Amino acid sequence: MPKNSGFVLDRSVPQGSPLSPSLYNLFMDEFGEMVSAIPRYVADFPAELFADGVLVTAKTSTGLQALLDIASKWTNDRRMIWNTKKVKSTSNKASDVRALRKAS
């Protein structure tokens, strides 16, 4: 009897799988709906989902924190982890830039 050459995959899709784009879209659709439900005074376009990434935008640092809280809850509920090596933050407000410099 031949040995099993399979592997265990708890969460994830193998890199390069033809199913990856479809599964990503199905899985992330709910996240997109959740962040899109926030008021427009927080963000005009709160999230963009593409390839294997997510871009969240907000008009204020408070609004951004609200979006990040939603993202954190969503991933925790699904036993997921964001790849923090890919997380970036930027702002065009001088007060936010100063706050980000102090935090780093």
Protein backbone atom coordinates (compact mmCIF):
# COMPACT_ATOMS: atom_id res chain seq x y z
CA MET A 1 0.00 0.00 0.00
CA PRO A 2 1.54 3.42 -0.98
CA LYS A 3 2.27 6.01 1.67
CA ASN A 4 -0.08 8.98 1.89
CA SER A 5 1.68 12.04 0.47
CA GLY A 6 -1.10 14.40 1.59
CA PHE A 7 -0.87 17.11 4.21
CA VAL A 8 -3.10 18.65 6.85
CA LEU A 9 -4.50 22.11 6.14
CA ASP A 10 -6.43 23.58 9.07
CA ARG A 11 -7.09 27.06 7.69
CA SER A 12 -5.95 28.51 4.41
CA VAL A 13 -5.73 27.64 0.75
CA PRO A 14 -2.51 26.34 -0.79
CA GLN A 15 -0.48 29.04 -2.55
CA GLY A 16 -1.33 29.14 -6.26
CA SER A 17 -4.54 27.14 -5.96
CA PRO A 18 -7.01 27.94 -8.76
CA LEU A 19 -9.71 28.10 -6.08
CA SER A 20 -7.98 30.92 -4.17
CA PRO A 21 -9.59 33.92 -5.93
CA SER A 22 -13.13 32.51 -5.71
CA LEU A 23 -12.77 31.42 -2.09
CA TYR A 24 -11.28 34.80 -1.18
CA ASN A 25 -14.23 36.62 -2.75
CA LEU A 26 -16.79 34.40 -1.02
CA PHE A 27 -15.06 34.62 2.33
CA MET A 28 -14.33 38.36 2.31
CA ASP A 29 -17.75 39.43 1.00
CA GLU A 30 -19.20 39.56 4.52
CA PHE A 31 -16.30 41.70 5.76
CA GLY A 32 -16.89 44.14 2.91
CA GLU A 33 -20.57 44.36 3.81
CA MET A 34 -19.78 44.97 7.49
CA VAL A 35 -17.40 47.88 6.90
CA SER A 36 -19.60 49.33 4.15
CA ALA A 37 -22.42 49.70 6.68
CA ILE A 38 -20.55 52.39 8.64
CA PRO A 39 -21.80 55.98 8.27
CA ARG A 40 -20.46 58.07 5.37
CA TYR A 41 -19.15 60.74 7.75
CA VAL A 42 -16.58 58.12 8.85
CA ALA A 43 -15.47 57.09 5.35
CA ASP A 44 -16.75 57.49 1.80
CA PHE A 45 -15.15 54.22 0.68
CA PRO A 46 -14.28 52.37 3.90
CA ALA A 47 -12.80 49.21 2.34
CA GLU A 48 -11.40 47.98 -0.93
CA LEU A 49 -10.90 44.22 -1.31
CA PHE A 50 -8.48 43.03 -3.96
CA ALA A 51 -6.34 39.99 -4.76
CA ASP A 52 -5.33 38.84 -1.28
CA GLY A 53 -5.43 42.21 0.45
CA VAL A 54 -7.69 44.74 2.12
CA LEU A 55 -7.40 48.53 2.14
CA VAL A 56 -9.39 50.41 4.79
CA THR A 57 -9.73 54.19 4.70
CA ALA A 58 -11.33 56.72 7.00
CA LYS A 59 -11.63 60.48 7.31
CA THR A 60 -10.31 60.59 10.89
CA SER A 61 -8.09 58.52 13.15
CA THR A 62 -11.19 57.73 15.24
CA GLY A 63 -12.98 56.45 12.15
CA LEU A 64 -9.95 54.37 11.19
CA GLN A 65 -9.86 52.84 14.67
CA ALA A 66 -13.56 51.94 14.33
CA LEU A 67 -12.80 50.14 11.05
CA LEU A 68 -9.81 48.36 12.59
CA ASP A 69 -12.00 47.27 15.52
CA ILE A 70 -14.50 45.77 13.04
CA ALA A 71 -11.65 44.02 11.20
CA SER A 72 -10.24 42.67 14.46
CA LYS A 73 -13.58 41.31 15.63
CA TRP A 74 -14.27 39.79 12.21
CA THR A 75 -10.94 37.96 12.13
CA ASN A 76 -11.16 36.83 15.76
CA ASP A 77 -14.65 35.40 15.18
CA ARG A 78 -13.23 33.37 12.27
CA ARG A 79 -9.99 32.34 13.99
CA MET A 80 -7.97 34.27 11.44
CA ILE A 81 -4.85 36.37 11.81
CA TRP A 82 -3.95 39.46 9.77
CA ASN A 83 -0.46 39.43 8.31
CA THR A 84 0.89 42.39 10.27
CA LYS A 85 4.05 42.45 8.14
CA LYS A 86 1.87 43.88 5.36
CA VAL A 87 -0.01 46.42 7.51
CA LYS A 88 0.76 50.06 6.76
CA SER A 89 -0.69 53.31 8.01
CA THR A 90 -0.71 56.73 6.40
CA SER A 91 -2.45 60.03 6.95
CA ASN A 92 -2.57 63.41 5.26
CA LYS A 93 -3.47 65.33 8.44
CA ALA A 94 -0.54 66.91 10.28
CA SER A 95 -2.00 66.02 13.72
CA ASP A 96 -2.35 62.34 12.71
CA VAL A 97 1.20 62.26 11.34
CA ARG A 98 2.54 63.61 14.65
CA ALA A 99 0.53 61.01 16.61
CA LEU A 100 1.81 58.20 14.38
CA ARG A 101 5.42 59.36 14.88
CA LYS A 102 4.98 59.36 18.65
CA ALA A 103 3.47 55.85 18.58
CA SER A 104 6.35 54.35 16.60
